[in-house]
PDB file of all heavy atoms in Angstrom:
ATOM      1  N   THR A   1       0.828  -1.209   0.000  1.00  0.00           N
ATOM      2  CA  THR A   1       0.000   0.000   0.000  1.00  0.00           C
ATOM      3  C   THR A   1       0.861   1.257   0.000  1.00  0.00           C
ATOM      4  O   THR A   1       0.576   2.201  -0.746  1.00  0.00           O
ATOM      5  CB  THR A   1      -0.947   0.002   1.222  1.00  0.00           C
ATOM      6  OG1 THR A   1      -1.735  -1.189   1.193  1.00  0.00           O
ATOM      7  CG2 THR A   1      -1.853   1.214   1.215  1.00  0.00           C
ATOM      8  N   VAL A   2       1.907   1.270   0.799  1.00  0.00           N
ATOM      9  CA  VAL A   2       2.790   2.443   0.860  1.00  0.00           C
ATOM     10  C   VAL A   2       3.442   2.691  -0.502  1.00  0.00           C
ATOM     11  O   VAL A   2       3.457   3.829  -1.000  1.00  0.00           O
ATOM     12  CB  VAL A   2       3.861   2.265   1.964  1.00  0.00           C
ATOM     13  CG1 VAL A   2       4.974   3.293   1.831  1.00  0.00           C
ATOM     14  CG2 VAL A   2       3.215   2.336   3.336  1.00  0.00           C
ATOM     15  N   PHE A   3       3.975   1.642  -1.132  1.00  0.00           N
ATOM     16  CA  PHE A   3       4.612   1.816  -2.438  1.00  0.00           C
ATOM     17  C   PHE A   3       3.603   2.226  -3.506  1.00  0.00           C
ATOM     18  O   PHE A   3       3.909   3.036  -4.386  1.00  0.00           O
ATOM     19  CB  PHE A   3       5.361   0.555  -2.864  1.00  0.00           C
ATOM     20  CG  PHE A   3       6.663   0.367  -2.132  1.00  0.00           C
ATOM     21  CD1 PHE A   3       6.900  -0.778  -1.398  1.00  0.00           C
ATOM     22  CD2 PHE A   3       7.648   1.338  -2.165  1.00  0.00           C
ATOM     23  CE1 PHE A   3       8.095  -0.953  -0.719  1.00  0.00           C
ATOM     24  CE2 PHE A   3       8.843   1.184  -1.491  1.00  0.00           C
ATOM     25  CZ  PHE A   3       9.073   0.030  -0.760  1.00  0.00           C
ATOM     26  N   CYS A   4       2.393   1.694  -3.429  1.00  0.00           N
ATOM     27  CA  CYS A   4       1.355   2.083  -4.397  1.00  0.00           C
ATOM     28  C   CYS A   4       0.947   3.542  -4.212  1.00  0.00           C
ATOM     29  O   CYS A   4       0.759   4.264  -5.191  1.00  0.00           O
ATOM     30  CB  CYS A   4       0.131   1.183  -4.275  1.00  0.00           C
ATOM     31  SG  CYS A   4       0.359  -0.437  -4.987  1.00  0.00           S
ATOM     32  N   LEU A   5       0.805   3.969  -2.956  1.00  0.00           N
ATOM     33  CA  LEU A   5       0.470   5.377  -2.709  1.00  0.00           C
ATOM     34  C   LEU A   5       1.578   6.286  -3.207  1.00  0.00           C
ATOM     35  O   LEU A   5       1.314   7.347  -3.784  1.00  0.00           O
ATOM     36  CB  LEU A   5       0.227   5.600  -1.212  1.00  0.00           C
ATOM     37  CG  LEU A   5      -1.054   5.006  -0.649  1.00  0.00           C
ATOM     38  CD1 LEU A   5      -1.078   5.128   0.872  1.00  0.00           C
ATOM     39  CD2 LEU A   5      -2.271   5.659  -1.269  1.00  0.00           C
ATOM     40  N   TRP A   6       2.809   5.871  -3.006  1.00  0.00           N
ATOM     41  CA  TRP A   6       3.948   6.637  -3.506  1.00  0.00           C
ATOM     42  C   TRP A   6       3.866   6.749  -5.028  1.00  0.00           C
ATOM     43  O   TRP A   6       4.073   7.835  -5.590  1.00  0.00           O
ATOM     44  CB  TRP A   6       5.243   5.965  -3.065  1.00  0.00           C
ATOM     45  CG  TRP A   6       6.479   6.545  -3.658  1.00  0.00           C
ATOM     46  CD1 TRP A   6       7.032   7.765  -3.406  1.00  0.00           C
ATOM     47  CD2 TRP A   6       7.320   5.917  -4.626  1.00  0.00           C
ATOM     48  NE1 TRP A   6       8.173   7.934  -4.149  1.00  0.00           N
ATOM     49  CE2 TRP A   6       8.375   6.809  -4.913  1.00  0.00           C
ATOM     50  CE3 TRP A   6       7.293   4.686  -5.270  1.00  0.00           C
ATOM     51  CZ2 TRP A   6       9.373   6.522  -5.822  1.00  0.00           C
ATOM     52  CZ3 TRP A   6       8.293   4.395  -6.168  1.00  0.00           C
ATOM     53  CH2 TRP A   6       9.316   5.305  -6.435  1.00  0.00           C
ATOM     54  N   GLY A   7       3.563   5.648  -5.700  1.00  0.00           N
ATOM     55  CA  GLY A   7       3.437   5.679  -7.151  1.00  0.00           C
ATOM     56  C   GLY A   7       2.237   6.478  -7.617  1.00  0.00           C
ATOM     57  O   GLY A   7       2.309   7.243  -8.584  1.00  0.00           O
ATOM     58  N   ALA A   8       1.110   6.329  -6.927  1.00  0.00           N
ATOM     59  CA  ALA A   8      -0.118   7.013  -7.338  1.00  0.00           C
ATOM     60  C   ALA A   8      -0.003   8.525  -7.206  1.00  0.00           C
ATOM     61  O   ALA A   8      -0.468   9.276  -8.067  1.00  0.00           O
ATOM     62  CB  ALA A   8      -1.296   6.511  -6.502  1.00  0.00           C
ATOM     63  N   ILE A   9       0.628   8.967  -6.147  1.00  0.00           N
ATOM     64  CA  ILE A   9       0.735  10.415  -5.914  1.00  0.00           C
ATOM     65  C   ILE A   9       1.941  10.999  -6.640  1.00  0.00           C
ATOM     66  O   ILE A   9       1.872  12.087  -7.196  1.00  0.00           O
ATOM     67  CB  ILE A   9       0.801  10.700  -4.400  1.00  0.00           C
ATOM     68  CG1 ILE A   9      -0.522  10.279  -3.754  1.00  0.00           C
ATOM     69  CG2 ILE A   9       1.099  12.162  -4.121  1.00  0.00           C
ATOM     70  CD1 ILE A   9      -0.505  10.238  -2.245  1.00  0.00           C
ATOM     71  N   GLY A  10       3.031  10.265  -6.664  1.00  0.00           N
ATOM     72  CA  GLY A  10       4.265  10.796  -7.248  1.00  0.00           C
ATOM     73  C   GLY A  10       4.322  10.758  -8.763  1.00  0.00           C
ATOM     74  O   GLY A  10       4.970  11.600  -9.376  1.00  0.00           O
ATOM     75  N   PHE A  11       3.638   9.825  -9.384  1.00  0.00           N
ATOM     76  CA  PHE A  11       3.688   9.677 -10.843  1.00  0.00           C
ATOM     77  C   PHE A  11       2.639  10.582 -11.459  1.00  0.00           C
ATOM     78  O   PHE A  11       1.441  10.374 -11.286  1.00  0.00           O
ATOM     79  CB  PHE A  11       3.462   8.216 -11.234  1.00  0.00           C
ATOM     80  CG  PHE A  11       3.571   7.951 -12.701  1.00  0.00           C
ATOM     81  CD1 PHE A  11       4.739   8.222 -13.389  1.00  0.00           C
ATOM     82  CD2 PHE A  11       2.498   7.429 -13.407  1.00  0.00           C
ATOM     83  CE1 PHE A  11       4.842   7.976 -14.743  1.00  0.00           C
ATOM     84  CE2 PHE A  11       2.590   7.179 -14.751  1.00  0.00           C
ATOM     85  CZ  PHE A  11       3.769   7.454 -15.425  1.00  0.00           C
ATOM     86  N   LYS A  12       3.064  11.589 -12.183  1.00  0.00           N
ATOM     87  CA  LYS A  12       2.148  12.598 -12.715  1.00  0.00           C
ATOM     88  C   LYS A  12       1.515  12.207 -14.048  1.00  0.00           C
ATOM     89  O   LYS A  12       0.515  12.776 -14.441  1.00  0.00           O
ATOM     90  CB  LYS A  12       2.874  13.933 -12.902  1.00  0.00           C
ATOM     91  CG  LYS A  12       3.529  14.454 -11.659  1.00  0.00           C
ATOM     92  CD  LYS A  12       2.537  14.982 -10.674  1.00  0.00           C
ATOM     93  CE  LYS A  12       3.270  15.658  -9.530  1.00  0.00           C
ATOM     94  NZ  LYS A  12       2.578  15.605  -8.298  1.00  0.00           N
ATOM     95  N   GLY A  13       2.088  11.255 -14.748  1.00  0.00           N
ATOM     96  CA  GLY A  13       1.550  10.882 -16.054  1.00  0.00           C
ATOM     97  C   GLY A  13       0.660   9.664 -15.985  1.00  0.00           C
ATOM     98  O   GLY A  13       0.238   9.226 -14.919  1.00  0.00           O
ATOM     99  N   PHE A  14       0.363   9.116 -17.153  1.00  0.00           N
ATOM    100  CA  PHE A  14      -0.415   7.893 -17.273  1.00  0.00           C
ATOM    101  C   PHE A  14       0.504   6.810 -17.817  1.00  0.00           C
ATOM    102  O   PHE A  14       1.360   7.083 -18.661  1.00  0.00           O
ATOM    103  CB  PHE A  14      -1.604   8.095 -18.225  1.00  0.00           C
ATOM    104  CG  PHE A  14      -2.636   9.037 -17.691  1.00  0.00           C
ATOM    105  CD1 PHE A  14      -2.592  10.388 -17.985  1.00  0.00           C
ATOM    106  CD2 PHE A  14      -3.656   8.579 -16.881  1.00  0.00           C
ATOM    107  CE1 PHE A  14      -3.539  11.259 -17.500  1.00  0.00           C
ATOM    108  CE2 PHE A  14      -4.619   9.437 -16.382  1.00  0.00           C
ATOM    109  CZ  PHE A  14      -4.561  10.783 -16.696  1.00  0.00           C
ATOM    110  N   ILE A  15       0.328   5.565 -17.384  1.00  0.00           N
ATOM    111  CA  ILE A  15       1.264   4.516 -17.795  1.00  0.00           C
ATOM    112  C   ILE A  15       1.099   4.146 -19.262  1.00  0.00           C
ATOM    113  O   ILE A  15       2.031   3.669 -19.873  1.00  0.00           O
ATOM    114  CB  ILE A  15       1.158   3.266 -16.902  1.00  0.00           C
ATOM    115  CG1 ILE A  15      -0.193   2.595 -17.029  1.00  0.00           C
ATOM    116  CG2 ILE A  15       1.475   3.580 -15.483  1.00  0.00           C
ATOM    117  CD1 ILE A  15      -0.232   1.208 -16.428  1.00  0.00           C
ATOM    118  N   GLU A  16      -0.093   4.334 -19.801  1.00  0.00           N
ATOM    119  CA  GLU A  16      -0.350   4.046 -21.221  1.00  0.00           C
ATOM    120  C   GLU A  16      -1.410   5.007 -21.720  1.00  0.00           C
ATOM    121  O   GLU A  16      -2.130   5.615 -20.923  1.00  0.00           O
ATOM    122  CB  GLU A  16      -0.863   2.611 -21.394  1.00  0.00           C
ATOM    123  CG  GLU A  16       0.146   1.538 -21.083  1.00  0.00           C
ATOM    124  CD  GLU A  16      -0.421   0.138 -21.273  1.00  0.00           C
ATOM    125  OE1 GLU A  16      -1.365  -0.018 -22.066  1.00  0.00           O
ATOM    126  OE2 GLU A  16       0.074  -0.778 -20.619  1.00  0.00           O
ATOM    127  N   GLY A  17      -1.542   5.083 -23.032  1.00  0.00           N
ATOM    128  CA  GLY A  17      -2.585   5.911 -23.617  1.00  0.00           C
ATOM    129  C   GLY A  17      -3.971   5.451 -23.217  1.00  0.00           C
ATOM    130  O   GLY A  17      -4.883   6.260 -23.032  1.00  0.00           O
ATOM    131  N   ASP A  18      -4.139   4.142 -23.068  1.00  0.00           N
ATOM    132  CA  ASP A  18      -5.441   3.608 -22.660  1.00  0.00           C
ATOM    133  C   ASP A  18      -5.837   4.103 -21.272  1.00  0.00           C
ATOM    134  O   ASP A  18      -7.019   4.318 -21.001  1.00  0.00           O
ATOM    135  CB  ASP A  18      -5.428   2.080 -22.660  1.00  0.00           C
ATOM    136  CG  ASP A  18      -5.651   1.500 -24.038  1.00  0.00           C
ATOM    137  OD1 ASP A  18      -5.941   2.289 -24.963  1.00  0.00           O
ATOM    138  OD2 ASP A  18      -5.540   0.284 -24.190  1.00  0.00           O
ATOM    139  N   ALA A  19      -4.877   4.269 -20.391  1.00  0.00           N
ATOM    140  CA  ALA A  19      -5.187   4.765 -19.050  1.00  0.00           C
ATOM    141  C   ALA A  19      -5.775   6.174 -19.142  1.00  0.00           C
ATOM    142  O   ALA A  19      -6.742   6.498 -18.443  1.00  0.00           O
ATOM    143  CB  ALA A  19      -3.936   4.760 -18.178  1.00  0.00           C
ATOM    144  N   THR A  20      -5.205   6.992 -20.012  1.00  0.00           N
ATOM    145  CA  THR A  20      -5.738   8.336 -20.228  1.00  0.00           C
ATOM    146  C   THR A  20      -7.161   8.266 -20.739  1.00  0.00           C
ATOM    147  O   THR A  20      -8.047   8.974 -20.250  1.00  0.00           O
ATOM    148  CB  THR A  20      -4.860   9.102 -21.250  1.00  0.00           C
ATOM    149  OG1 THR A  20      -3.506   9.033 -20.840  1.00  0.00           O
ATOM    150  CG2 THR A  20      -5.298  10.540 -21.367  1.00  0.00           C
ATOM    151  N   ASN A  21      -7.398   7.404 -21.730  1.00  0.00           N
ATOM    152  CA  ASN A  21      -8.749   7.261 -22.290  1.00  0.00           C
ATOM    153  C   ASN A  21      -9.752   6.816 -21.235  1.00  0.00           C
ATOM    154  O   ASN A  21     -10.846   7.380 -21.138  1.00  0.00           O
ATOM    155  CB  ASN A  21      -8.752   6.266 -23.451  1.00  0.00           C
ATOM    156  CG  ASN A  21      -8.026   6.789 -24.664  1.00  0.00           C
ATOM    157  OD1 ASN A  21      -7.860   7.989 -24.825  1.00  0.00           O
ATOM    158  ND2 ASN A  21      -7.577   5.890 -25.517  1.00  0.00           N
ATOM    159  N   HIS A  22      -9.403   5.794 -20.471  1.00  0.00           N
ATOM    160  CA  HIS A  22     -10.338   5.284 -19.472  1.00  0.00           C
ATOM    161  C   HIS A  22     -10.628   6.325 -18.397  1.00  0.00           C
ATOM    162  O   HIS A  22     -11.770   6.444 -17.934  1.00  0.00           O
ATOM    163  CB  HIS A  22      -9.826   3.988 -18.850  1.00  0.00           C
ATOM    164  CG  HIS A  22      -9.858   2.843 -19.787  1.00  0.00           C
ATOM    165  ND1 HIS A  22     -11.024   2.336 -20.322  1.00  0.00           N
ATOM    166  CD2 HIS A  22      -8.867   2.104 -20.336  1.00  0.00           C
ATOM    167  CE1 HIS A  22     -10.755   1.337 -21.134  1.00  0.00           C
ATOM    168  NE2 HIS A  22      -9.440   1.180 -21.159  1.00  0.00           N
ATOM    169  N   TYR A  23      -9.611   7.085 -18.026  1.00  0.00           N
ATOM    170  CA  TYR A  23      -9.830   8.134 -17.035  1.00  0.00           C
ATOM    171  C   TYR A  23     -10.764   9.211 -17.580  1.00  0.00           C
ATOM    172  O   TYR A  23     -11.718   9.617 -16.910  1.00  0.00           O
ATOM    173  CB  TYR A  23      -8.502   8.750 -16.580  1.00  0.00           C
ATOM    174  CG  TYR A  23      -8.730   9.954 -15.715  1.00  0.00           C
ATOM    175  CD1 TYR A  23      -9.182   9.797 -14.404  1.00  0.00           C
ATOM    176  CD2 TYR A  23      -8.554  11.234 -16.203  1.00  0.00           C
ATOM    177  CE1 TYR A  23      -9.442  10.893 -13.607  1.00  0.00           C
ATOM    178  CE2 TYR A  23      -8.806  12.345 -15.415  1.00  0.00           C
ATOM    179  CZ  TYR A  23      -9.254  12.167 -14.124  1.00  0.00           C
ATOM    180  OH  TYR A  23      -9.517  13.258 -13.340  1.00  0.00           O
ATOM    181  N   LEU A  24     -10.500   9.678 -18.794  1.00  0.00           N
ATOM    182  CA  LEU A  24     -11.332  10.747 -19.361  1.00  0.00           C
ATOM    183  C   LEU A  24     -12.763  10.281 -19.612  1.00  0.00           C
ATOM    184  O   LEU A  24     -13.719  11.034 -19.399  1.00  0.00           O
ATOM    185  CB  LEU A  24     -10.699  11.284 -20.648  1.00  0.00           C
ATOM    186  CG  LEU A  24      -9.407  12.073 -20.443  1.00  0.00           C
ATOM    187  CD1 LEU A  24      -8.785  12.430 -21.786  1.00  0.00           C
ATOM    188  CD2 LEU A  24      -9.663  13.323 -19.611  1.00  0.00           C
ATOM    189  N   ILE A  25     -12.920   9.048 -20.058  1.00  0.00           N
ATOM    190  CA  ILE A  25     -14.270   8.510 -20.258  1.00  0.00           C
ATOM    191  C   ILE A  25     -15.019   8.480 -18.931  1.00  0.00           C
ATOM    192  O   ILE A  25     -16.185   8.876 -18.849  1.00  0.00           O
ATOM    193  CB  ILE A  25     -14.199   7.110 -20.907  1.00  0.00           C
ATOM    194  CG1 ILE A  25     -13.776   7.237 -22.373  1.00  0.00           C
ATOM    195  CG2 ILE A  25     -15.536   6.391 -20.803  1.00  0.00           C
ATOM    196  CD1 ILE A  25     -13.390   5.922 -23.024  1.00  0.00           C
ATOM    197  N   ALA A  26     -14.346   8.028 -17.875  1.00  0.00           N
ATOM    198  CA  ALA A  26     -14.978   7.976 -16.558  1.00  0.00           C
ATOM    199  C   ALA A  26     -15.258   9.382 -16.022  1.00  0.00           C
ATOM    200  O   ALA A  26     -16.303   9.623 -15.419  1.00  0.00           O
ATOM    201  CB  ALA A  26     -14.101   7.205 -15.579  1.00  0.00           C
ATOM    202  N   ARG A  27     -14.349  10.300 -16.260  1.00  0.00           N
ATOM    203  CA  ARG A  27     -14.502  11.664 -15.753  1.00  0.00           C
ATOM    204  C   ARG A  27     -15.734  12.353 -16.328  1.00  0.00           C
ATOM    205  O   ARG A  27     -16.410  13.110 -15.647  1.00  0.00           O
ATOM    206  CB  ARG A  27     -13.249  12.481 -16.062  1.00  0.00           C
ATOM    207  CG  ARG A  27     -13.258  13.867 -15.442  1.00  0.00           C
ATOM    208  CD  ARG A  27     -11.893  14.482 -15.571  1.00  0.00           C
ATOM    209  NE  ARG A  27     -11.820  15.826 -15.077  1.00  0.00           N
ATOM    210  CZ  ARG A  27     -11.631  16.183 -13.824  1.00  0.00           C
ATOM    211  NH1 ARG A  27     -11.499  15.256 -12.906  1.00  0.00           N
ATOM    212  NH2 ARG A  27     -11.555  17.443 -13.468  1.00  0.00           N
ATOM    213  N   PHE A  28     -16.022  12.083 -17.606  1.00  0.00           N
ATOM    214  CA  PHE A  28     -17.146  12.762 -18.240  1.00  0.00           C
ATOM    215  C   PHE A  28     -18.376  11.876 -18.384  1.00  0.00           C
ATOM    216  O   PHE A  28     -19.349  12.257 -19.018  1.00  0.00           O
ATOM    217  CB  PHE A  28     -16.708  13.323 -19.588  1.00  0.00           C
ATOM    218  CG  PHE A  28     -15.666  14.397 -19.451  1.00  0.00           C
ATOM    219  CD1 PHE A  28     -14.339  14.143 -19.750  1.00  0.00           C
ATOM    220  CD2 PHE A  28     -16.001  15.641 -18.955  1.00  0.00           C
ATOM    221  CE1 PHE A  28     -13.370  15.118 -19.589  1.00  0.00           C
ATOM    222  CE2 PHE A  28     -15.048  16.624 -18.781  1.00  0.00           C
ATOM    223  CZ  PHE A  28     -13.720  16.365 -19.102  1.00  0.00           C
ATOM    224  N   ALA A  29     -18.367  10.698 -17.762  1.00  0.00           N
ATOM    225  CA  ALA A  29     -19.507   9.784 -17.860  1.00  0.00           C
ATOM    226  C   ALA A  29     -20.747  10.351 -17.162  1.00  0.00           C
ATOM    227  O   ALA A  29     -21.873  10.071 -17.582  1.00  0.00           O
ATOM    228  CB  ALA A  29     -19.153   8.426 -17.268  1.00  0.00           C
ATOM    229  N   VAL A  30     -20.552  11.145 -16.134  1.00  0.00           N
ATOM    230  CA  VAL A  30     -21.688  11.732 -15.439  1.00  0.00           C
ATOM    231  C   VAL A  30     -22.442  12.688 -16.375  1.00  0.00           C
ATOM    232  O   VAL A  30     -23.671  12.713 -16.386  1.00  0.00           O
ATOM    233  CB  VAL A  30     -21.223  12.453 -14.155  1.00  0.00           C
ATOM    234  CG1 VAL A  30     -22.355  13.207 -13.495  1.00  0.00           C
ATOM    235  CG2 VAL A  30     -20.616  11.453 -13.189  1.00  0.00           C
ATOM    236  N   ASP A  31     -21.698  13.446 -17.167  1.00  0.00           N
ATOM    237  CA  ASP A  31     -22.319  14.375 -18.117  1.00  0.00           C
ATOM    238  C   ASP A  31     -22.766  13.684 -19.404  1.00  0.00           C
ATOM    239  O   ASP A  31     -23.668  14.160 -20.075  1.00  0.00           O
ATOM    240  CB  ASP A  31     -21.333  15.493 -18.481  1.00  0.00           C
ATOM    241  CG  ASP A  31     -20.972  16.339 -17.277  1.00  0.00           C
ATOM    242  OD1 ASP A  31     -21.810  16.446 -16.356  1.00  0.00           O
ATOM    243  OD2 ASP A  31     -19.844  16.870 -17.245  1.00  0.00           O
ATOM    244  N   GLN A  32     -22.110  12.594 -19.747  1.00  0.00           N
ATOM    245  CA  GLN A  32     -22.429  11.851 -20.972  1.00  0.00           C
ATOM    246  C   GLN A  32     -22.692  10.395 -20.601  1.00  0.00           C
ATOM    247  O   GLN A  32     -21.810   9.543 -20.717  1.00  0.00           O
ATOM    248  CB  GLN A  32     -21.270  11.954 -21.967  1.00  0.00           C
ATOM    249  CG  GLN A  32     -20.974  13.372 -22.375  1.00  0.00           C
ATOM    250  CD  GLN A  32     -19.710  13.469 -23.211  1.00  0.00           C
ATOM    251  OE1 GLN A  32     -19.116  12.477 -23.594  1.00  0.00           O
ATOM    252  NE2 GLN A  32     -19.306  14.693 -23.474  1.00  0.00           N
ATOM    253  N   PRO A  33     -23.919  10.077 -20.145  1.00  0.00           N
ATOM    254  CA  PRO A  33     -24.224   8.733 -19.636  1.00  0.00           C
ATOM    255  C   PRO A  33     -24.016   7.603 -20.639  1.00  0.00           C
ATOM    256  O   PRO A  33     -23.897   6.452 -20.243  1.00  0.00           O
ATOM    257  CB  PRO A  33     -25.701   8.836 -19.234  1.00  0.00           C
ATOM    258  CG  PRO A  33     -25.979  10.280 -19.093  1.00  0.00           C
ATOM    259  CD  PRO A  33     -25.034  10.991 -20.005  1.00  0.00           C
ATOM    260  N   ALA A  34     -23.926   7.930 -21.923  1.00  0.00           N
ATOM    261  CA  ALA A  34     -23.652   6.881 -22.916  1.00  0.00           C
ATOM    262  C   ALA A  34     -22.312   6.219 -22.656  1.00  0.00           C
ATOM    263  O   ALA A  34     -22.101   5.058 -23.045  1.00  0.00           O
ATOM    264  CB  ALA A  34     -23.691   7.466 -24.325  1.00  0.00           C
ATOM    265  N   ASN A  35     -21.419   6.909 -21.959  1.00  0.00           N
ATOM    266  CA  ASN A  35     -20.114   6.314 -21.622  1.00  0.00           C
ATOM    267  C   ASN A  35     -20.247   5.107 -20.704  1.00  0.00           C
ATOM    268  O   ASN A  35     -19.378   4.242 -20.689  1.00  0.00           O
ATOM    269  CB  ASN A  35     -19.208   7.350 -20.956  1.00  0.00           C
ATOM    270  CG  ASN A  35     -18.668   8.365 -21.927  1.00  0.00           C
ATOM    271  OD1 ASN A  35     -18.813   8.225 -23.136  1.00  0.00           O
ATOM    272  ND2 ASN A  35     -18.065   9.410 -21.412  1.00  0.00           N
ATOM    273  N   PHE A  36     -21.331   5.044 -19.935  1.00  0.00           N
ATOM    274  CA  PHE A  36     -21.522   3.910 -19.025  1.00  0.00           C
ATOM    275  C   PHE A  36     -21.814   2.605 -19.758  1.00  0.00           C
ATOM    276  O   PHE A  36     -21.618   1.538 -19.204  1.00  0.00           O
ATOM    277  CB  PHE A  36     -22.644   4.193 -18.026  1.00  0.00           C
ATOM    278  CG  PHE A  36     -22.248   5.158 -16.948  1.00  0.00           C
ATOM    279  CD1 PHE A  36     -22.794   6.429 -16.910  1.00  0.00           C
ATOM    280  CD2 PHE A  36     -21.336   4.803 -15.972  1.00  0.00           C
ATOM    281  CE1 PHE A  36     -22.439   7.320 -15.913  1.00  0.00           C
ATOM    282  CE2 PHE A  36     -20.970   5.688 -14.977  1.00  0.00           C
ATOM    283  CZ  PHE A  36     -21.524   6.961 -14.955  1.00  0.00           C
ATOM    284  N   VAL A  37     -22.302   2.695 -20.984  1.00  0.00           N
ATOM    285  CA  VAL A  37     -22.613   1.486 -21.751  1.00  0.00           C
ATOM    286  C   VAL A  37     -21.739   1.344 -22.994  1.00  0.00           C
ATOM    287  O   VAL A  37     -21.925   0.440 -23.789  1.00  0.00           O
ATOM    288  CB  VAL A  37     -24.110   1.435 -22.145  1.00  0.00           C
ATOM    289  CG1 VAL A  37     -24.962   1.277 -20.914  1.00  0.00           C
ATOM    290  CG2 VAL A  37     -24.516   2.664 -22.934  1.00  0.00           C
ATOM    291  N   ASN A  38     -20.771   2.214 -23.144  1.00  0.00           N
ATOM    292  CA  ASN A  38     -19.864   2.169 -24.279  1.00  0.00           C
ATOM    293  C   ASN A  38     -18.957   0.944 -24.152  1.00  0.00           C
ATOM    294  O   ASN A  38     -18.308   0.743 -23.124  1.00  0.00           O
ATOM    295  CB  ASN A  38     -19.030   3.448 -24.310  1.00  0.00           C
ATOM    296  CG  ASN A  38     -18.133   3.544 -25.507  1.00  0.00           C
ATOM    297  OD1 ASN A  38     -17.661   2.539 -26.028  1.00  0.00           O
ATOM    298  ND2 ASN A  38     -17.890   4.765 -25.940  1.00  0.00           N
ATOM    299  N   VAL A  39     -18.902   0.120 -25.177  1.00  0.00           N
ATOM    300  CA  VAL A  39     -18.105  -1.098 -25.137  1.00  0.00           C
ATOM    301  C   VAL A  39     -16.621  -0.776 -24.981  1.00  0.00           C
ATOM    302  O   VAL A  39     -15.907  -1.419 -24.219  1.00  0.00           O
ATOM    303  CB  VAL A  39     -18.359  -1.956 -26.393  1.00  0.00           C
ATOM    304  CG1 VAL A  39     -17.436  -3.146 -26.426  1.00  0.00           C
ATOM    305  CG2 VAL A  39     -19.799  -2.404 -26.440  1.00  0.00           C
ATOM    306  N   TRP A  40     -16.139   0.223 -25.707  1.00  0.00           N
ATOM    307  CA  TRP A  40     -14.728   0.573 -25.604  1.00  0.00           C
ATOM    308  C   TRP A  40     -14.396   1.069 -24.200  1.00  0.00           C
ATOM    309  O   TRP A  40     -13.316   0.815 -23.666  1.00  0.00           O
ATOM    310  CB  TRP A  40     -14.346   1.634 -26.632  1.00  0.00           C
ATOM    311  CG  TRP A  40     -12.971   2.138 -26.389  1.00  0.00           C
ATOM    312  CD1 TRP A  40     -12.615   3.360 -25.932  1.00  0.00           C
ATOM    313  CD2 TRP A  40     -11.742   1.414 -26.533  1.00  0.00           C
ATOM    314  NE1 TRP A  40     -11.254   3.455 -25.792  1.00  0.00           N
ATOM    315  CE2 TRP A  40     -10.694   2.260 -26.160  1.00  0.00           C
ATOM    316  CE3 TRP A  40     -11.434   0.122 -26.939  1.00  0.00           C
ATOM    317  CZ2 TRP A  40      -9.369   1.867 -26.188  1.00  0.00           C
ATOM    318  CZ3 TRP A  40     -10.101  -0.256 -26.952  1.00  0.00           C
ATOM    319  CH2 TRP A  40      -9.092   0.615 -26.594  1.00  0.00           C
ATOM    320  N   ALA A  41     -15.348   1.757 -23.575  1.00  0.00           N
ATOM    321  CA  ALA A  41     -15.097   2.332 -22.255  1.00  0.00           C
ATOM    322  C   ALA A  41     -15.062   1.274 -21.162  1.00  0.00           C
ATOM    323  O   ALA A  41     -14.605   1.529 -20.071  1.00  0.00           O
ATOM    324  CB  ALA A  41     -16.174   3.357 -21.933  1.00  0.00           C
ATOM    325  N   ARG A  42     -15.554   0.087 -21.421  1.00  0.00           N
ATOM    326  CA  ARG A  42     -15.647  -0.983 -20.437  1.00  0.00           C
ATOM    327  C   ARG A  42     -16.565  -0.528 -19.302  1.00  0.00           C
ATOM    328  O   ARG A  42     -16.129   0.141 -18.361  1.00  0.00           O
ATOM    329  CB  ARG A  42     -14.292  -1.398 -19.886  1.00  0.00           C
ATOM    330  CG  ARG A  42     -13.238  -1.679 -20.921  1.00  0.00           C
ATOM    331  CD  ARG A  42     -13.567  -2.898 -21.765  1.00  0.00           C
ATOM    332  NE  ARG A  42     -12.469  -3.154 -22.680  1.00  0.00           N
ATOM    333  CZ  ARG A  42     -12.588  -3.151 -23.994  1.00  0.00           C
ATOM    334  NH1 ARG A  42     -13.766  -2.938 -24.542  1.00  0.00           N
ATOM    335  NH2 ARG A  42     -11.561  -3.386 -24.762  1.00  0.00           N
ATOM    336  N   PRO A  43     -17.847  -0.833 -19.408  1.00  0.00           N
ATOM    337  CA  PRO A  43     -18.843  -0.285 -18.478  1.00  0.00           C
ATOM    338  C   PRO A  43     -18.524  -0.456 -16.997  1.00  0.00           C
ATOM    339  O   PRO A  43     -18.734   0.465 -16.215  1.00  0.00           O
ATOM    340  CB  PRO A  43     -20.116  -1.051 -18.855  1.00  0.00           C
ATOM    341  CG  PRO A  43     -19.919  -1.417 -20.292  1.00  0.00           C
ATOM    342  CD  PRO A  43     -18.447  -1.665 -20.441  1.00  0.00           C
ATOM    343  N   LEU A  44     -17.997  -1.604 -16.599  1.00  0.00           N
ATOM    344  CA  LEU A  44     -17.702  -1.797 -15.182  1.00  0.00           C
ATOM    345  C   LEU A  44     -16.619  -0.832 -14.708  1.00  0.00           C
ATOM    346  O   LEU A  44     -16.731  -0.225 -13.645  1.00  0.00           O
ATOM    347  CB  LEU A  44     -17.265  -3.242 -14.910  1.00  0.00           C
ATOM    348  CG  LEU A  44     -16.898  -3.515 -13.466  1.00  0.00           C
ATOM    349  CD1 LEU A  44     -18.138  -3.505 -12.590  1.00  0.00           C
ATOM    350  CD2 LEU A  44     -16.165  -4.819 -13.341  1.00  0.00           C
TER     351      LEU A  44
END
């Protein structure tokens, strides 16, 4: 947990382009509910 928290807080970027996509899809899913059922977005 300590090492993960260090990585989560200290690492400012995303490990892959997909991580950026999944984060942005989740961030705007409240405003765009279609993101919750988008296959690419992975609904869960």
